[in-house]
Every structure is written in C-alpha cells, then in structure tokens.
Amino acid sequence: MLKDISKIAKKINDSELNSSIIELQGQVMDLYNENIELVHDVATLKKERDITKQVAFGKNGYVFVSDDGPYCPGCYGSKNNLVRLTPDGSSRHYYKCSSCKSTFDVPAS
C-alpha cells in the first residue's frame, strides 16, 4: 500500500508529500522491528512459564524438568536464570548445576 502511495506521490512530484511518505515508511519499519522484538519476548516468557509448570520433587527439593532436561531451581529462584543441570557422574539421578555447583536428585520420569 505504501509503495502504491509512493508511486502516486512521485507522479504528482510533490516534495513535501514525498518527504512525508519517506518518514511514514521509516515509522512503519520501526514498528515492524519493535513487533519482531515483542514476539521474541513473548516466546521467551512463554517458555519460562512452561518450564516453571514442570516441577519434579526429589530428595533435595524440587527441580524443573522439561524435554530439554532438568534446570537448577536455585539459580532460577534467586536470579531468574535458567541453568541446565548436567549429570554429575555418581548416579543416574544426580545432577549438578554448573553455575551454583549445587547437586540435585532428579527423579526418573
């Protein structure tokens, strides 16, 4: 639609109208970029919300378990930081946080 208006304005040869159309195109691009950022933010928030719904209880308290693997509840609770737990090697169910160094018993799903 803006391209059509721009073509008409060029035919009219009105510099003020052309300038306004260029400014409007810039505003449309700004809104487009802002929309992309907002869509990304919403997706991130939805992922965080979904992870907090997936709580498993073990001997050391709760952990977040998702398809990606378990996440450290301490790092998430204190810093809102999702840190994936990694197996600590001592047992099938024990996982360690690389950030806070805590160990968790993650029940088998």
Protein backbone atom coordinates (compact mmCIF):
# COMPACT_ATOMS: atom_id res chain seq x y z
CA MET A 1 0.00 0.00 0.00
CA LEU A 2 2.80 2.43 0.88
CA LYS A 3 4.55 1.56 -2.37
CA ASP A 4 1.43 2.48 -4.32
CA ILE A 5 1.14 5.78 -2.48
CA SER A 6 4.82 6.44 -3.09
CA LYS A 7 4.39 5.86 -6.84
CA ILE A 8 1.43 8.25 -6.95
CA ALA A 9 3.37 10.88 -5.00
CA LYS A 10 6.29 10.64 -7.44
CA LYS A 11 3.92 11.22 -10.34
CA ILE A 12 2.49 14.27 -8.57
CA ASN A 13 6.08 15.42 -7.91
CA ASP A 14 5.26 16.98 -4.54
CA SER A 15 8.46 17.07 -2.47
CA GLU A 16 6.61 17.67 0.82
CA LEU A 17 4.35 14.67 0.17
CA ASN A 18 7.35 12.53 -0.82
CA SER A 19 9.15 13.56 2.36
CA SER A 20 6.10 12.64 4.47
CA ILE A 21 5.83 9.26 2.78
CA ILE A 22 9.51 8.52 3.41
CA GLU A 23 9.04 9.46 7.07
CA LEU A 24 5.96 7.23 7.26
CA GLN A 25 7.91 4.33 5.73
CA GLY A 26 10.57 4.78 8.42
CA GLN A 27 7.93 4.69 11.14
CA VAL A 28 6.43 1.53 9.65
CA MET A 29 9.87 -0.12 9.68
CA ASP A 30 10.39 0.92 13.31
CA LEU A 31 7.03 -0.61 14.24
CA TYR A 32 7.88 -3.77 12.30
CA ASN A 33 11.20 -4.15 14.17
CA GLU A 34 9.52 -3.45 17.51
CA ASN A 35 6.91 -6.11 16.71
CA ILE A 36 9.65 -8.66 15.99
CA GLU A 37 11.26 -7.91 19.37
CA LEU A 38 7.92 -8.20 21.17
CA VAL A 39 7.13 -11.53 19.51
CA HIS A 40 10.55 -12.80 20.63
CA ASP A 41 9.96 -11.52 24.19
CA VAL A 42 6.55 -13.21 24.36
CA ALA A 43 8.03 -16.51 23.16
CA THR A 44 10.77 -16.28 25.81
CA LEU A 45 8.26 -15.54 28.56
CA LYS A 46 6.02 -18.41 27.46
CA LYS A 47 8.98 -20.80 27.55
CA GLU A 48 9.90 -19.64 31.06
CA ARG A 49 6.27 -20.00 32.17
CA ASP A 50 6.06 -23.51 30.74
CA ILE A 51 9.27 -24.55 32.48
CA THR A 52 8.03 -23.37 35.87
CA LYS A 53 4.97 -25.59 35.42
CA GLN A 54 7.20 -28.67 35.11
CA VAL A 55 8.34 -29.23 38.66
CA ALA A 56 9.64 -32.56 39.96
CA PHE A 57 10.36 -33.30 43.62
CA GLY A 58 13.47 -35.17 44.69
CA LYS A 59 15.40 -35.70 47.93
CA ASN A 60 16.94 -32.21 47.74
CA GLY A 61 13.69 -30.39 46.96
CA TYR A 62 12.25 -29.51 43.60
CA VAL A 63 13.80 -29.23 40.15
CA PHE A 64 12.39 -28.09 36.82
CA VAL A 65 12.21 -30.95 34.34
CA SER A 66 11.43 -30.40 30.66
CA ASP A 67 12.20 -32.02 27.33
CA ASP A 68 15.46 -30.03 27.35
CA GLY A 69 16.48 -31.58 30.66
CA PRO A 70 16.31 -30.52 34.31
CA TYR A 71 17.06 -26.91 35.34
CA CYS A 72 18.52 -25.59 38.59
CA PRO A 73 15.77 -24.29 40.90
CA GLY A 74 18.27 -22.26 42.96
CA CYS A 75 19.54 -20.24 40.02
CA TYR A 76 16.03 -19.78 38.69
CA GLY A 77 14.60 -18.79 42.07
CA SER A 78 17.31 -16.31 43.01
CA LYS A 79 18.41 -14.88 39.65
CA ASN A 80 15.59 -15.93 37.31
CA ASN A 81 18.35 -17.68 35.36
CA LEU A 82 17.63 -21.00 33.65
CA VAL A 83 20.75 -23.14 34.04
CA ARG A 84 20.52 -26.68 32.69
CA LEU A 85 21.68 -29.33 35.15
CA THR A 86 24.20 -31.90 33.96
CA PRO A 87 24.68 -35.47 35.24
CA ASP A 88 27.29 -35.49 37.99
CA GLY A 89 28.53 -38.97 37.09
CA SER A 90 27.97 -40.55 40.50
CA SER A 91 24.45 -41.81 39.93
CA ARG A 92 21.77 -41.91 37.26
CA HIS A 93 19.56 -39.50 39.17
CA TYR A 94 22.06 -36.94 40.46
CA TYR A 95 22.64 -33.73 38.52
CA LYS A 96 24.90 -30.75 39.17
CA CYS A 97 24.48 -27.06 38.38
CA SER A 98 27.47 -25.57 36.58
CA SER A 99 26.64 -22.12 37.93
CA CYS A 100 25.97 -22.53 41.67
CA LYS A 101 27.57 -26.03 41.96
CA SER A 102 24.51 -27.46 43.76
CA THR A 103 23.66 -31.14 43.32
CA PHE A 104 20.11 -32.42 42.89
CA ASP A 105 18.40 -35.79 42.91
CA VAL A 106 16.17 -35.72 39.83
CA PRO A 107 13.55 -38.48 39.85
CA ALA A 108 13.28 -40.59 36.72
CA SER A 109 10.36 -39.54 34.56
